[in-house]
Amino acid sequence: MFLADWIDRLNGALGRAVSYAIWIGMMVVVYEVVLRYAFNAPTVWAQGYAQRIFAAYFILIGAYTLIQRGHVRVDLFMGEPSTRRRALLDIINYTVLLIWMAALVWEGWQYFMDAWRFGERDDGALGHPMWPVKLSLFVGVVLMALQGVAELMRAIARLINPNRPGWQP
């Protein structure tokens, strides 16, 4: 499963790198709170940047969360299923995920291109460009779709050969 392992490594490395954005966002928020309440000197820019950092973090960490099995799963039909039954249900789940991701990739690209082409700005005082946030939406969804492909490949392989050592449920 060279391709699936490569996708895992890519999303793992990017997920670990992006996870540090939470610290940057927290520093911006703390900086703003200290200036606002200790010195009565709030900034114009901190809230907008914190929103952008947390938005990018939230969308870009999705594929890494999928690798770590951190997304919510509703296992109504699972119980204690056999490896093949779990693989079949995973194939259905990841197929639906990929259909959803395809729609989001398409729309994310359109949102990004519109923001880029028309120079879209936010409503804040500084009028930050919107394209970086919309680009992160597109990139995050592409990474999530790639991880969905890797998980689908593994589920198909588990369905075909459920006795292979190393398969995790």
N, C-alpha and C. Protein backbone atom coordinates (compact mmCIF):
# COMPACT_ATOMS: atom_id res chain seq x y z
N MET A 1 0.83 -1.18 0.00
CA MET A 1 0.00 0.00 0.00
C MET A 1 0.88 1.25 0.00
N PHE A 2 1.76 1.32 -0.94
CA PHE A 2 2.72 2.43 -1.01
C PHE A 2 2.00 3.78 -1.07
N LEU A 3 0.99 3.90 -1.93
CA LEU A 3 0.29 5.18 -2.09
C LEU A 3 -0.41 5.58 -0.79
N ALA A 4 -1.10 4.65 -0.17
CA ALA A 4 -1.80 4.96 1.09
C ALA A 4 -0.81 5.37 2.18
N ASP A 5 0.31 4.69 2.26
CA ASP A 5 1.33 5.04 3.26
C ASP A 5 1.94 6.41 2.97
N TRP A 6 2.14 6.72 1.69
CA TRP A 6 2.67 8.03 1.31
C TRP A 6 1.68 9.13 1.70
N ILE A 7 0.39 8.91 1.45
CA ILE A 7 -0.64 9.89 1.84
C ILE A 7 -0.64 10.08 3.35
N ASP A 8 -0.52 8.97 4.10
CA ASP A 8 -0.44 9.06 5.57
C ASP A 8 0.74 9.91 6.01
N ARG A 9 1.90 9.67 5.39
CA ARG A 9 3.09 10.43 5.77
C ARG A 9 2.91 11.92 5.45
N LEU A 10 2.37 12.22 4.28
CA LEU A 10 2.14 13.62 3.89
C LEU A 10 1.19 14.29 4.87
N ASN A 11 0.03 13.68 5.10
CA ASN A 11 -0.95 14.30 5.99
C ASN A 11 -0.48 14.30 7.45
N GLY A 12 0.29 13.31 7.83
CA GLY A 12 0.85 13.29 9.19
C GLY A 12 1.81 14.44 9.40
N ALA A 13 2.70 14.64 8.44
CA ALA A 13 3.68 15.74 8.56
C ALA A 13 2.98 17.09 8.53
N LEU A 14 2.05 17.27 7.61
CA LEU A 14 1.34 18.54 7.53
C LEU A 14 0.48 18.76 8.77
N GLY A 15 -0.14 17.71 9.26
CA GLY A 15 -0.98 17.84 10.46
C GLY A 15 -0.17 18.24 11.67
N ARG A 16 0.99 17.63 11.82
CA ARG A 16 1.85 18.00 12.96
C ARG A 16 2.33 19.45 12.83
N ALA A 17 2.66 19.86 11.60
CA ALA A 17 3.12 21.24 11.39
C ALA A 17 1.98 22.24 11.66
N VAL A 18 0.81 21.94 11.15
CA VAL A 18 -0.33 22.84 11.32
C VAL A 18 -0.78 22.89 12.78
N SER A 19 -0.54 21.82 13.52
CA SER A 19 -0.99 21.79 14.92
C SER A 19 -0.34 22.91 15.74
N TYR A 20 0.80 23.40 15.30
CA TYR A 20 1.44 24.51 16.02
C TYR A 20 0.71 25.83 15.81
N ALA A 21 -0.16 25.91 14.82
CA ALA A 21 -0.92 27.14 14.59
C ALA A 21 -1.81 27.47 15.77
N ILE A 22 -2.24 26.46 16.51
CA ILE A 22 -3.08 26.71 17.68
C ILE A 22 -2.33 27.58 18.69
N TRP A 23 -1.03 27.36 18.83
CA TRP A 23 -0.23 28.15 19.76
C TRP A 23 -0.10 29.59 19.27
N ILE A 24 0.07 29.76 17.97
CA ILE A 24 0.16 31.11 17.41
C ILE A 24 -1.16 31.84 17.64
N GLY A 25 -2.26 31.16 17.37
CA GLY A 25 -3.57 31.76 17.60
C GLY A 25 -3.79 32.13 19.05
N MET A 26 -3.37 31.25 19.93
CA MET A 26 -3.52 31.54 21.37
C MET A 26 -2.66 32.75 21.78
N MET A 27 -1.46 32.85 21.23
CA MET A 27 -0.61 34.01 21.56
C MET A 27 -1.25 35.31 21.08
N VAL A 28 -1.86 35.28 19.90
CA VAL A 28 -2.53 36.48 19.40
C VAL A 28 -3.68 36.87 20.32
N VAL A 29 -4.47 35.88 20.75
CA VAL A 29 -5.60 36.16 21.64
C VAL A 29 -5.11 36.69 22.99
N VAL A 30 -4.10 36.06 23.56
CA VAL A 30 -3.56 36.51 24.85
C VAL A 30 -3.00 37.93 24.72
N TYR A 31 -2.28 38.18 23.64
CA TYR A 31 -1.74 39.53 23.39
C TYR A 31 -2.87 40.55 23.37
N GLU A 32 -3.94 40.24 22.65
CA GLU A 32 -5.07 41.16 22.56
C GLU A 32 -5.73 41.37 23.93
N VAL A 33 -5.92 40.30 24.68
CA VAL A 33 -6.55 40.41 26.01
C VAL A 33 -5.70 41.26 26.94
N VAL A 34 -4.40 41.02 26.95
CA VAL A 34 -3.52 41.81 27.82
C VAL A 34 -3.56 43.29 27.43
N LEU A 35 -3.43 43.58 26.14
CA LEU A 35 -3.48 44.98 25.71
C LEU A 35 -4.82 45.63 26.03
N ARG A 36 -5.90 44.89 25.81
CA ARG A 36 -7.24 45.44 26.02
C ARG A 36 -7.51 45.71 27.50
N TYR A 37 -7.25 44.73 28.35
CA TYR A 37 -7.66 44.86 29.74
C TYR A 37 -6.58 45.41 30.67
N ALA A 38 -5.33 45.18 30.37
CA ALA A 38 -4.27 45.69 31.25
C ALA A 38 -3.87 47.11 30.87
N PHE A 39 -3.89 47.43 29.57
CA PHE A 39 -3.41 48.74 29.12
C PHE A 39 -4.49 49.58 28.46
N ASN A 40 -5.71 49.04 28.39
CA ASN A 40 -6.82 49.74 27.74
C ASN A 40 -6.43 50.21 26.33
N ALA A 41 -5.72 49.34 25.60
CA ALA A 41 -5.24 49.68 24.26
C ALA A 41 -5.48 48.50 23.30
N PRO A 42 -6.75 48.22 22.97
CA PRO A 42 -7.02 47.08 22.09
C PRO A 42 -6.46 47.32 20.69
N THR A 43 -6.20 46.21 20.00
CA THR A 43 -5.69 46.31 18.64
C THR A 43 -6.85 46.22 17.65
N VAL A 44 -6.60 46.66 16.45
CA VAL A 44 -7.60 46.56 15.39
C VAL A 44 -7.48 45.21 14.67
N TRP A 45 -6.31 44.64 14.69
CA TRP A 45 -6.00 43.49 13.84
C TRP A 45 -6.12 42.13 14.53
N ALA A 46 -6.01 42.05 15.84
CA ALA A 46 -5.86 40.75 16.52
C ALA A 46 -7.06 39.83 16.33
N GLN A 47 -8.25 40.35 16.44
CA GLN A 47 -9.41 39.48 16.31
C GLN A 47 -9.48 38.85 14.92
N GLY A 48 -9.24 39.63 13.89
CA GLY A 48 -9.28 39.12 12.53
C GLY A 48 -8.22 38.06 12.27
N TYR A 49 -7.02 38.30 12.78
CA TYR A 49 -5.96 37.31 12.59
C TYR A 49 -6.23 36.04 13.38
N ALA A 50 -6.74 36.18 14.59
CA ALA A 50 -7.07 34.99 15.39
C ALA A 50 -8.13 34.16 14.68
N GLN A 51 -9.13 34.81 14.14
CA GLN A 51 -10.17 34.08 13.40
C GLN A 51 -9.56 33.33 12.21
N ARG A 52 -8.69 33.97 11.48
CA ARG A 52 -8.08 33.33 10.31
C ARG A 52 -7.18 32.16 10.71
N ILE A 53 -6.43 32.34 11.75
CA ILE A 53 -5.53 31.27 12.22
C ILE A 53 -6.35 30.06 12.65
N PHE A 54 -7.39 30.29 13.45
CA PHE A 54 -8.20 29.17 13.94
C PHE A 54 -9.00 28.53 12.81
N ALA A 55 -9.47 29.32 11.85
CA ALA A 55 -10.19 28.75 10.71
C ALA A 55 -9.27 27.86 9.88
N ALA A 56 -8.06 28.34 9.58
CA ALA A 56 -7.11 27.54 8.81
C ALA A 56 -6.73 26.29 9.59
N TYR A 57 -6.49 26.42 10.88
CA TYR A 57 -6.15 25.28 11.72
C TYR A 57 -7.26 24.23 11.66
N PHE A 58 -8.48 24.66 11.85
CA PHE A 58 -9.62 23.74 11.90
C PHE A 58 -9.75 22.93 10.61
N ILE A 59 -9.61 23.57 9.47
CA ILE A 59 -9.80 22.85 8.20
C ILE A 59 -8.56 22.06 7.81
N LEU A 60 -7.38 22.57 8.10
CA LEU A 60 -6.16 21.88 7.67
C LEU A 60 -5.82 20.68 8.55
N ILE A 61 -6.38 20.59 9.74
CA ILE A 61 -6.06 19.48 10.64
C ILE A 61 -6.99 18.28 10.40
N GLY A 62 -7.98 18.43 9.53
CA GLY A 62 -8.98 17.37 9.32
C GLY A 62 -8.41 16.05 8.85
N ALA A 63 -7.50 16.07 7.90
CA ALA A 63 -6.92 14.82 7.39
C ALA A 63 -6.09 14.13 8.46
N TYR A 64 -5.35 14.90 9.24
CA TYR A 64 -4.55 14.33 10.33
C TYR A 64 -5.47 13.69 11.37
N THR A 65 -6.58 14.34 11.64
CA THR A 65 -7.56 13.79 12.59
C THR A 65 -8.11 12.47 12.07
N LEU A 66 -8.31 12.36 10.76
CA LEU A 66 -8.79 11.11 10.17
C LEU A 66 -7.75 10.00 10.35
N ILE A 67 -6.49 10.31 10.17
CA ILE A 67 -5.43 9.32 10.39
C ILE A 67 -5.45 8.82 11.84
N GLN A 68 -5.64 9.74 12.77
CA GLN A 68 -5.62 9.42 14.19
C GLN A 68 -6.93 8.82 14.69
N ARG A 69 -7.89 8.63 13.79
CA ARG A 69 -9.22 8.10 14.14
C ARG A 69 -9.92 9.01 15.16
N GLY A 70 -9.75 10.31 14.98
CA GLY A 70 -10.30 11.27 15.93
C GLY A 70 -11.66 11.84 15.56
N HIS A 71 -12.14 11.54 14.35
CA HIS A 71 -13.46 12.03 13.97
C HIS A 71 -14.54 11.19 14.64
N VAL A 72 -15.68 11.78 14.87
CA VAL A 72 -16.78 11.08 15.51
C VAL A 72 -17.32 10.02 14.55
N ARG A 73 -17.49 8.81 15.08
CA ARG A 73 -18.08 7.71 14.31
C ARG A 73 -19.33 7.24 15.04
N VAL A 74 -20.36 7.04 14.29
CA VAL A 74 -21.58 6.48 14.86
C VAL A 74 -21.64 5.04 14.37
N ASP A 75 -21.34 4.12 15.26
CA ASP A 75 -21.26 2.71 14.89
C ASP A 75 -22.56 1.99 15.21
N LEU A 76 -23.61 2.38 14.49
CA LEU A 76 -24.91 1.74 14.71
C LEU A 76 -24.91 0.28 14.28
N PHE A 77 -24.20 0.00 13.20
CA PHE A 77 -24.23 -1.34 12.63
C PHE A 77 -22.99 -2.16 12.94
N MET A 78 -22.10 -1.61 13.73
CA MET A 78 -20.83 -2.27 13.93
C MET A 78 -20.91 -3.36 15.00
N GLY A 79 -21.21 -2.99 16.22
CA GLY A 79 -21.17 -3.98 17.29
C GLY A 79 -19.77 -4.57 17.35
N GLU A 80 -19.68 -5.88 17.25
CA GLU A 80 -18.40 -6.57 17.14
C GLU A 80 -18.35 -7.26 15.78
N PRO A 81 -18.20 -6.49 14.71
CA PRO A 81 -18.27 -7.08 13.38
C PRO A 81 -17.00 -7.83 13.01
N SER A 82 -17.16 -8.69 12.03
CA SER A 82 -15.98 -9.35 11.48
C SER A 82 -15.15 -8.32 10.72
N THR A 83 -13.91 -8.68 10.42
CA THR A 83 -13.04 -7.76 9.68
C THR A 83 -13.64 -7.43 8.33
N ARG A 84 -14.23 -8.41 7.66
CA ARG A 84 -14.84 -8.16 6.34
C ARG A 84 -16.05 -7.24 6.45
N ARG A 85 -16.88 -7.45 7.46
CA ARG A 85 -18.07 -6.60 7.60
C ARG A 85 -17.65 -5.16 7.90
N ARG A 86 -16.70 -4.99 8.77
CA ARG A 86 -16.20 -3.65 9.08
C ARG A 86 -15.61 -3.02 7.82
N ALA A 87 -14.87 -3.81 7.04
CA ALA A 87 -14.28 -3.30 5.80
C ALA A 87 -15.37 -2.86 4.83
N LEU A 88 -16.42 -3.64 4.72
CA LEU A 88 -17.52 -3.28 3.82
C LEU A 88 -18.20 -1.99 4.27
N LEU A 89 -18.44 -1.85 5.56
CA LEU A 89 -19.04 -0.61 6.08
C LEU A 89 -18.09 0.57 5.91
N ASP A 90 -16.79 0.34 6.07
CA ASP A 90 -15.81 1.41 5.83
C ASP A 90 -15.80 1.82 4.36
N ILE A 91 -15.93 0.86 3.47
CA ILE A 91 -15.98 1.18 2.03
C ILE A 91 -17.17 2.08 1.75
N ILE A 92 -18.31 1.76 2.32
CA ILE A 92 -19.50 2.61 2.13
C ILE A 92 -19.25 4.00 2.71
N ASN A 93 -18.73 4.05 3.95
CA ASN A 93 -18.48 5.34 4.60
C ASN A 93 -17.49 6.20 3.82
N TYR A 94 -16.39 5.59 3.39
CA TYR A 94 -15.37 6.38 2.69
C TYR A 94 -15.81 6.76 1.29
N THR A 95 -16.66 5.96 0.68
CA THR A 95 -17.21 6.34 -0.62
C THR A 95 -18.09 7.57 -0.47
N VAL A 96 -18.95 7.58 0.54
CA VAL A 96 -19.80 8.75 0.80
C VAL A 96 -18.94 9.96 1.14
N LEU A 97 -17.90 9.75 1.95
CA LEU A 97 -16.98 10.84 2.29
C LEU A 97 -16.36 11.42 1.03
N LEU A 98 -15.93 10.57 0.11
CA LEU A 98 -15.27 11.06 -1.11
C LEU A 98 -16.24 11.82 -2.02
N ILE A 99 -17.48 11.39 -2.05
CA ILE A 99 -18.48 12.14 -2.83
C ILE A 99 -18.65 13.54 -2.24
N TRP A 100 -18.76 13.60 -0.91
CA TRP A 100 -18.88 14.88 -0.22
C TRP A 100 -17.63 15.73 -0.43
N MET A 101 -16.45 15.11 -0.33
CA MET A 101 -15.20 15.85 -0.52
C MET A 101 -15.08 16.38 -1.95
N ALA A 102 -15.55 15.61 -2.93
CA ALA A 102 -15.49 16.08 -4.32
C ALA A 102 -16.31 17.36 -4.48
N ALA A 103 -17.50 17.39 -3.86
CA ALA A 103 -18.32 18.61 -3.92
C ALA A 103 -17.62 19.77 -3.22
N LEU A 104 -17.01 19.49 -2.06
CA LEU A 104 -16.32 20.55 -1.33
C LEU A 104 -15.06 21.04 -2.05
N VAL A 105 -14.34 20.12 -2.70
CA VAL A 105 -13.16 20.53 -3.47
C VAL A 105 -13.60 21.47 -4.59
N TRP A 106 -14.64 21.10 -5.29
CA TRP A 106 -15.16 21.93 -6.40
C TRP A 106 -15.56 23.31 -5.88
N GLU A 107 -16.38 23.34 -4.85
CA GLU A 107 -16.85 24.61 -4.31
C GLU A 107 -15.72 25.40 -3.66
N GLY A 108 -14.83 24.72 -2.95
CA GLY A 108 -13.70 25.40 -2.33
C GLY A 108 -12.84 26.11 -3.36
N TRP A 109 -12.61 25.43 -4.50
CA TRP A 109 -11.82 26.05 -5.57
C TRP A 109 -12.54 27.28 -6.12
N GLN A 110 -13.86 27.16 -6.31
CA GLN A 110 -14.64 28.29 -6.82
C GLN A 110 -14.59 29.47 -5.84
N TYR A 111 -14.74 29.20 -4.55
CA TYR A 111 -14.67 30.26 -3.54
C TYR A 111 -13.31 30.94 -3.57
N PHE A 112 -12.26 30.13 -3.63
CA PHE A 112 -10.91 30.69 -3.67
C PHE A 112 -10.71 31.55 -4.91
N MET A 113 -11.08 31.01 -6.07
CA MET A 113 -10.87 31.75 -7.32
C MET A 113 -11.66 33.05 -7.34
N ASP A 114 -12.89 33.03 -6.87
CA ASP A 114 -13.69 34.26 -6.82
C ASP A 114 -13.04 35.29 -5.90
N ALA A 115 -12.58 34.85 -4.73
CA ALA A 115 -11.93 35.77 -3.79
C ALA A 115 -10.65 36.35 -4.40
N TRP A 116 -9.91 35.52 -5.10
CA TRP A 116 -8.65 35.96 -5.73
C TRP A 116 -8.93 36.93 -6.88
N ARG A 117 -9.83 36.50 -7.77
CA ARG A 117 -10.14 37.29 -8.97
C ARG A 117 -10.73 38.66 -8.64
N PHE A 118 -11.65 38.69 -7.69
CA PHE A 118 -12.36 39.93 -7.39
C PHE A 118 -11.76 40.70 -6.23
N GLY A 119 -10.64 40.21 -5.69
CA GLY A 119 -10.00 40.92 -4.59
C GLY A 119 -10.89 41.06 -3.37
N GLU A 120 -11.61 40.00 -3.05
CA GLU A 120 -12.55 40.03 -1.93
C GLU A 120 -11.83 40.36 -0.61
N ARG A 121 -12.44 41.24 0.15
CA ARG A 121 -11.91 41.67 1.44
C ARG A 121 -12.96 41.45 2.52
N ASP A 122 -12.51 41.30 3.76
CA ASP A 122 -13.48 41.15 4.84
C ASP A 122 -14.05 42.51 5.24
N ASP A 123 -15.02 42.48 6.15
CA ASP A 123 -15.71 43.71 6.56
C ASP A 123 -14.98 44.47 7.66
N GLY A 124 -13.86 43.92 8.14
CA GLY A 124 -13.13 44.56 9.23
C GLY A 124 -12.50 45.87 8.83
N ALA A 125 -12.01 46.57 9.81
CA ALA A 125 -11.40 47.88 9.59
C ALA A 125 -10.19 47.82 8.66
N LEU A 126 -9.44 46.72 8.73
CA LEU A 126 -8.24 46.60 7.90
C LEU A 126 -8.53 46.00 6.52
N GLY A 127 -9.70 45.44 6.34
CA GLY A 127 -10.07 44.88 5.04
C GLY A 127 -9.11 43.81 4.55
N HIS A 128 -8.85 42.80 5.40
CA HIS A 128 -7.94 41.73 5.02
C HIS A 128 -8.46 40.99 3.78
N PRO A 129 -7.56 40.55 2.93
CA PRO A 129 -7.99 39.73 1.78
C PRO A 129 -8.55 38.39 2.27
N MET A 130 -9.55 37.90 1.58
CA MET A 130 -10.20 36.65 1.97
C MET A 130 -9.59 35.43 1.31
N TRP A 131 -8.79 35.63 0.26
CA TRP A 131 -8.29 34.46 -0.47
C TRP A 131 -7.43 33.51 0.37
N PRO A 132 -6.63 33.96 1.36
CA PRO A 132 -5.85 32.98 2.12
C PRO A 132 -6.73 32.00 2.90
N VAL A 133 -7.80 32.49 3.50
CA VAL A 133 -8.71 31.61 4.24
C VAL A 133 -9.40 30.64 3.29
N LYS A 134 -9.81 31.14 2.15
CA LYS A 134 -10.50 30.28 1.19
C LYS A 134 -9.54 29.30 0.53
N LEU A 135 -8.28 29.67 0.39
CA LEU A 135 -7.28 28.72 -0.10
C LEU A 135 -7.06 27.61 0.92
N SER A 136 -7.03 27.96 2.20
CA SER A 136 -6.87 26.93 3.23
C SER A 136 -8.05 25.97 3.23
N LEU A 137 -9.25 26.46 2.95
CA LEU A 137 -10.41 25.59 2.83
C LEU A 137 -10.21 24.59 1.70
N PHE A 138 -9.78 25.07 0.56
CA PHE A 138 -9.54 24.19 -0.58
C PHE A 138 -8.45 23.16 -0.29
N VAL A 139 -7.32 23.61 0.24
CA VAL A 139 -6.20 22.71 0.54
C VAL A 139 -6.60 21.68 1.58
N GLY A 140 -7.28 22.11 2.63
CA GLY A 140 -7.71 21.19 3.67
C GLY A 140 -8.64 20.11 3.16
N VAL A 141 -9.55 20.49 2.29
CA VAL A 141 -10.50 19.52 1.74
C VAL A 141 -9.78 18.56 0.79
N VAL A 142 -8.83 19.06 0.01
CA VAL A 142 -8.05 18.17 -0.87
C VAL A 142 -7.28 17.16 -0.02
N LEU A 143 -6.66 17.60 1.06
CA LEU A 143 -5.92 16.69 1.93
C LEU A 143 -6.86 15.66 2.57
N MET A 144 -8.04 16.09 2.97
CA MET A 144 -9.02 15.17 3.55
C MET A 144 -9.48 14.16 2.50
N ALA A 145 -9.68 14.60 1.27
CA ALA A 145 -10.07 13.68 0.20
C ALA A 145 -8.95 12.67 -0.07
N LEU A 146 -7.71 13.12 -0.09
CA LEU A 146 -6.59 12.19 -0.28
C LEU A 146 -6.56 11.15 0.83
N GLN A 147 -6.76 11.59 2.07
CA GLN A 147 -6.77 10.64 3.18
C GLN A 147 -7.94 9.68 3.06
N GLY A 148 -9.07 10.17 2.56
CA GLY A 148 -10.23 9.30 2.32
C GLY A 148 -9.90 8.24 1.28
N VAL A 149 -9.16 8.61 0.25
CA VAL A 149 -8.73 7.63 -0.76
C VAL A 149 -7.84 6.57 -0.12
N ALA A 150 -6.90 7.00 0.71
CA ALA A 150 -6.01 6.04 1.38
C ALA A 150 -6.80 5.08 2.26
N GLU A 151 -7.77 5.60 3.02
CA GLU A 151 -8.57 4.76 3.90
C GLU A 151 -9.47 3.82 3.09
N LEU A 152 -9.98 4.30 1.96
CA LEU A 152 -10.79 3.44 1.09
C LEU A 152 -9.95 2.31 0.51
N MET A 153 -8.73 2.62 0.11
CA MET A 153 -7.84 1.57 -0.41
C MET A 153 -7.58 0.50 0.65
N ARG A 154 -7.36 0.93 1.87
CA ARG A 154 -7.13 -0.03 2.96
C ARG A 154 -8.37 -0.88 3.23
N ALA A 155 -9.54 -0.25 3.19
CA ALA A 155 -10.78 -0.99 3.44
C ALA A 155 -11.01 -2.04 2.35
N ILE A 156 -10.74 -1.69 1.11
CA ILE A 156 -10.88 -2.65 0.01
C ILE A 156 -9.90 -3.80 0.20
N ALA A 157 -8.67 -3.47 0.57
CA ALA A 157 -7.67 -4.52 0.80
C ALA A 157 -8.09 -5.42 1.96
N ARG A 158 -8.67 -4.85 3.02
CA ARG A 158 -9.15 -5.65 4.16
C ARG A 158 -10.30 -6.55 3.76
N LEU A 159 -11.16 -6.06 2.86
CA LEU A 159 -12.28 -6.87 2.39
C LEU A 159 -11.76 -8.07 1.60
N ILE A 160 -10.75 -7.84 0.78
CA ILE A 160 -10.18 -8.91 -0.04
C ILE A 160 -9.38 -9.89 0.80
N ASN A 161 -8.56 -9.38 1.72
CA ASN A 161 -7.69 -10.23 2.52
C ASN A 161 -7.79 -9.84 4.00
N PRO A 162 -8.82 -10.30 4.69
CA PRO A 162 -9.02 -9.88 6.09
C PRO A 162 -8.01 -10.47 7.06
N ASN A 163 -7.26 -11.47 6.67
CA ASN A 163 -6.34 -12.15 7.59
C ASN A 163 -4.91 -11.61 7.54
N ARG A 164 -4.69 -10.58 6.74
CA ARG A 164 -3.35 -10.01 6.63
C ARG A 164 -2.95 -9.44 7.99
N PRO A 165 -1.76 -9.76 8.47
CA PRO A 165 -1.30 -9.21 9.76
C PRO A 165 -1.19 -7.68 9.69
N GLY A 166 -1.51 -7.04 10.80
CA GLY A 166 -1.35 -5.60 10.87
C GLY A 166 -2.60 -4.80 10.57
N TRP A 167 -3.68 -5.46 10.15
CA TRP A 167 -4.90 -4.71 9.90
C TRP A 167 -5.48 -4.26 11.21
N GLN A 168 -5.78 -3.01 11.30
CA GLN A 168 -6.42 -2.51 12.51
C GLN A 168 -7.91 -2.35 12.27
N PRO A 169 -8.73 -2.66 13.25
CA PRO A 169 -10.18 -2.52 13.04
C PRO A 169 -10.61 -1.10 12.96
